[in-house]
Amino acid sequence: MILRYEDFPHYEDESWVENYANRNRRDLLIRRTRILNEFRQFSSDEEFITYLQEHAPHIYRRSLLELKALAVAESHKETPEEYRDRHERVAWADLENEIAAEVESIRQIVFREIKMDRLKKALEQEFPEEYREIIHQAFQRYQQGGRGDEQKPPPEIYGP
């Protein structure tokens, strides 16, 4: 593998950042929360940031590219049409996130039901009483909302 560092000095040019922000305004505004969260996460390691500012200030400045572009995009005075369009896109993004959360919730419910079904079937098997009791306890924890695997797994069923 060959790595090559390429210098992109235009990333630090304010007019280039402004043009970038104007061309990508919608995308930047839609991704606003993510950009801010990524910046918070990036800047949370103060020791790293201090080191970067002292030893590679150009890299630190370039790491702020999207944040600077977002600031420019937010300072733009929107027309009523742009405002409606942005809010519609944000509403769609929020709806997609809601749907994704619902799908995940349903997936968790289905997964839990499958696990409960497996536990029920295990209880119907002919296991020694000590194993049946462990399976029965796991099933009860599942019914009460626990994960069902808080206890140690049963000893090897098939012998040493």
Protein backbone atom coordinates (compact mmCIF):
# COMPACT_ATOMS: atom_id res chain seq x y z
CA MET A 1 0.00 0.00 0.00
CA ILE A 2 1.28 3.45 -0.84
CA LEU A 3 0.06 6.47 1.09
CA ARG A 4 0.42 9.92 -0.30
CA TYR A 5 -0.30 13.21 1.39
CA GLU A 6 -1.83 15.79 -0.88
CA ASP A 7 -1.96 19.39 0.11
CA PHE A 8 -5.26 21.11 -0.66
CA PRO A 9 -4.56 24.72 0.27
CA HIS A 10 -7.89 25.88 -1.12
CA TYR A 11 -9.59 24.22 1.90
CA GLU A 12 -8.24 27.09 3.98
CA ASP A 13 -9.26 29.78 1.51
CA GLU A 14 -12.29 31.62 2.95
CA SER A 15 -13.77 32.31 -0.50
CA TRP A 16 -13.55 28.61 -1.39
CA VAL A 17 -15.26 27.66 1.90
CA GLU A 18 -17.99 30.21 1.19
CA ASN A 19 -18.54 28.86 -2.34
CA TYR A 20 -18.57 25.30 -0.97
CA ALA A 21 -21.16 26.32 1.63
CA ASN A 22 -23.33 28.02 -0.97
CA ARG A 23 -23.19 25.01 -3.33
CA ASN A 24 -23.90 22.54 -0.53
CA ARG A 25 -26.18 24.61 1.70
CA ARG A 26 -29.09 22.16 1.73
CA ASP A 27 -26.90 19.19 2.53
CA LEU A 28 -25.02 21.07 5.25
CA LEU A 29 -28.24 22.24 6.89
CA ILE A 30 -29.77 18.78 6.75
CA ARG A 31 -26.61 17.32 8.29
CA ARG A 32 -26.34 20.14 10.87
CA THR A 33 -26.89 17.97 13.94
CA ARG A 34 -24.43 15.33 12.75
CA ILE A 35 -21.78 17.94 11.90
CA LEU A 36 -22.12 19.56 15.33
CA ASN A 37 -22.06 16.20 17.13
CA GLU A 38 -18.96 15.11 15.20
CA PHE A 39 -17.26 18.40 16.09
CA ARG A 40 -18.13 17.99 19.78
CA GLN A 41 -16.79 14.46 19.75
CA PHE A 42 -13.64 15.48 17.85
CA SER A 43 -12.91 18.43 20.14
CA SER A 44 -13.63 16.53 23.38
CA ASP A 45 -10.03 15.27 23.60
CA GLU A 46 -8.41 18.54 24.67
CA GLU A 47 -4.92 17.03 24.86
CA PHE A 48 -5.14 15.81 21.26
CA ILE A 49 -6.55 19.15 20.03
CA THR A 50 -3.76 21.07 21.80
CA TYR A 51 -1.14 18.78 20.27
CA LEU A 52 -2.71 19.14 16.82
CA GLN A 53 -2.86 22.94 17.10
CA GLU A 54 0.79 23.10 18.15
CA HIS A 55 2.28 20.55 15.73
CA ALA A 56 -0.05 20.50 12.73
CA PRO A 57 -2.21 23.64 12.79
CA HIS A 58 -3.07 23.26 9.08
CA ILE A 59 -4.65 19.86 9.80
CA TYR A 60 -6.62 21.30 12.71
CA ARG A 61 -7.87 24.19 10.57
CA ARG A 62 -8.92 21.76 7.84
CA SER A 63 -10.74 19.60 10.34
CA LEU A 64 -13.05 22.58 10.85
CA LEU A 65 -13.99 22.79 7.15
CA GLU A 66 -17.55 21.49 7.46
CA LEU A 67 -18.16 23.44 10.66
CA LYS A 68 -17.07 26.67 8.95
CA ALA A 69 -19.14 25.84 5.88
CA LEU A 70 -22.16 25.15 8.11
CA ALA A 71 -21.72 28.54 9.75
CA VAL A 72 -21.68 30.19 6.34
CA ALA A 73 -24.73 28.18 5.22
CA GLU A 74 -26.64 29.16 8.35
CA SER A 75 -25.80 32.83 7.92
CA HIS A 76 -27.39 32.85 4.46
CA LYS A 77 -30.76 34.60 4.38
CA GLU A 78 -33.16 32.03 3.01
CA THR A 79 -35.93 32.84 0.62
CA PRO A 80 -39.35 31.59 1.68
CA GLU A 81 -39.05 28.81 -0.92
CA GLU A 82 -35.65 27.73 0.44
CA TYR A 83 -37.04 27.80 3.98
CA ARG A 84 -40.01 25.57 3.04
CA ASP A 85 -37.75 23.25 1.07
CA ARG A 86 -35.26 22.90 3.94
CA HIS A 87 -37.99 22.27 6.48
CA GLU A 88 -39.58 19.69 4.20
CA ARG A 89 -36.24 17.90 3.83
CA VAL A 90 -35.65 18.02 7.59
CA ALA A 91 -39.16 16.70 8.18
CA TRP A 92 -38.49 13.83 5.77
CA ALA A 93 -35.16 13.10 7.49
CA ASP A 94 -36.94 13.11 10.88
CA LEU A 95 -39.62 10.80 9.48
CA GLU A 96 -36.96 8.43 8.12
CA ASN A 97 -35.28 8.39 11.54
CA GLU A 98 -38.63 7.69 13.22
CA ILE A 99 -39.32 4.84 10.81
CA ALA A 100 -35.84 3.41 11.37
CA ALA A 101 -36.40 3.55 15.14
CA GLU A 102 -39.79 1.82 14.75
CA VAL A 103 -38.26 -0.88 12.55
CA GLU A 104 -35.55 -1.45 15.15
CA SER A 105 -38.17 -1.64 17.89
CA ILE A 106 -40.17 -4.19 15.90
CA ARG A 107 -36.99 -6.14 15.18
CA GLN A 108 -36.24 -6.27 18.90
CA ILE A 109 -39.80 -7.47 19.66
CA VAL A 110 -39.61 -10.16 16.98
CA PHE A 111 -36.18 -11.23 18.19
CA ARG A 112 -37.49 -11.45 21.76
CA GLU A 113 -40.50 -13.48 20.62
CA ILE A 114 -38.24 -15.89 18.75
CA LYS A 115 -36.09 -16.27 21.86
CA MET A 116 -39.19 -16.88 24.00
CA ASP A 117 -40.44 -19.45 21.51
CA ARG A 118 -37.09 -21.23 21.67
CA LEU A 119 -37.21 -21.21 25.46
CA LYS A 120 -40.75 -22.64 25.41
CA LYS A 121 -39.62 -25.42 23.08
CA ALA A 122 -36.63 -26.10 25.32
CA LEU A 123 -38.96 -26.48 28.29
CA GLU A 124 -40.91 -29.10 26.38
CA GLN A 125 -37.77 -31.20 25.83
CA GLU A 126 -36.84 -34.07 28.07
CA PHE A 127 -33.98 -32.53 30.01
CA PRO A 128 -32.82 -33.49 33.48
CA GLU A 129 -34.71 -31.54 36.14
CA GLU A 130 -31.73 -29.25 36.98
CA TYR A 131 -31.55 -28.05 33.34
CA ARG A 132 -35.29 -27.64 33.07
CA GLU A 133 -35.18 -25.37 36.14
CA ILE A 134 -32.43 -23.19 34.59
CA ILE A 135 -34.38 -22.94 31.31
CA HIS A 136 -37.61 -22.19 33.23
CA GLN A 137 -35.88 -19.35 35.15
CA ALA A 138 -34.52 -17.88 31.92
CA PHE A 139 -37.99 -18.03 30.40
CA GLN A 140 -39.48 -16.23 33.41
CA ARG A 141 -36.84 -13.48 33.20
CA TYR A 142 -37.67 -13.03 29.51
CA GLN A 143 -41.35 -12.71 30.30
CA GLN A 144 -40.47 -10.05 32.88
CA GLY A 145 -38.36 -8.12 30.38
CA GLY A 146 -34.87 -9.38 31.28
CA ARG A 147 -32.38 -10.68 28.75
CA GLY A 148 -32.57 -14.19 30.11
CA ASP A 149 -28.84 -14.78 30.08
CA GLU A 150 -27.82 -13.09 33.32
CA GLN A 151 -27.02 -16.47 34.89
CA LYS A 152 -24.11 -18.67 33.98
CA PRO A 153 -24.90 -21.08 31.15
CA PRO A 154 -25.87 -24.60 32.25
CA PRO A 155 -23.11 -27.17 32.48
CA GLU A 156 -22.36 -29.25 29.41
CA ILE A 157 -25.46 -31.37 28.71
CA TYR A 158 -23.73 -34.08 26.74
CA GLY A 159 -21.14 -34.98 29.34
CA PRO A 160 -17.42 -34.24 29.75
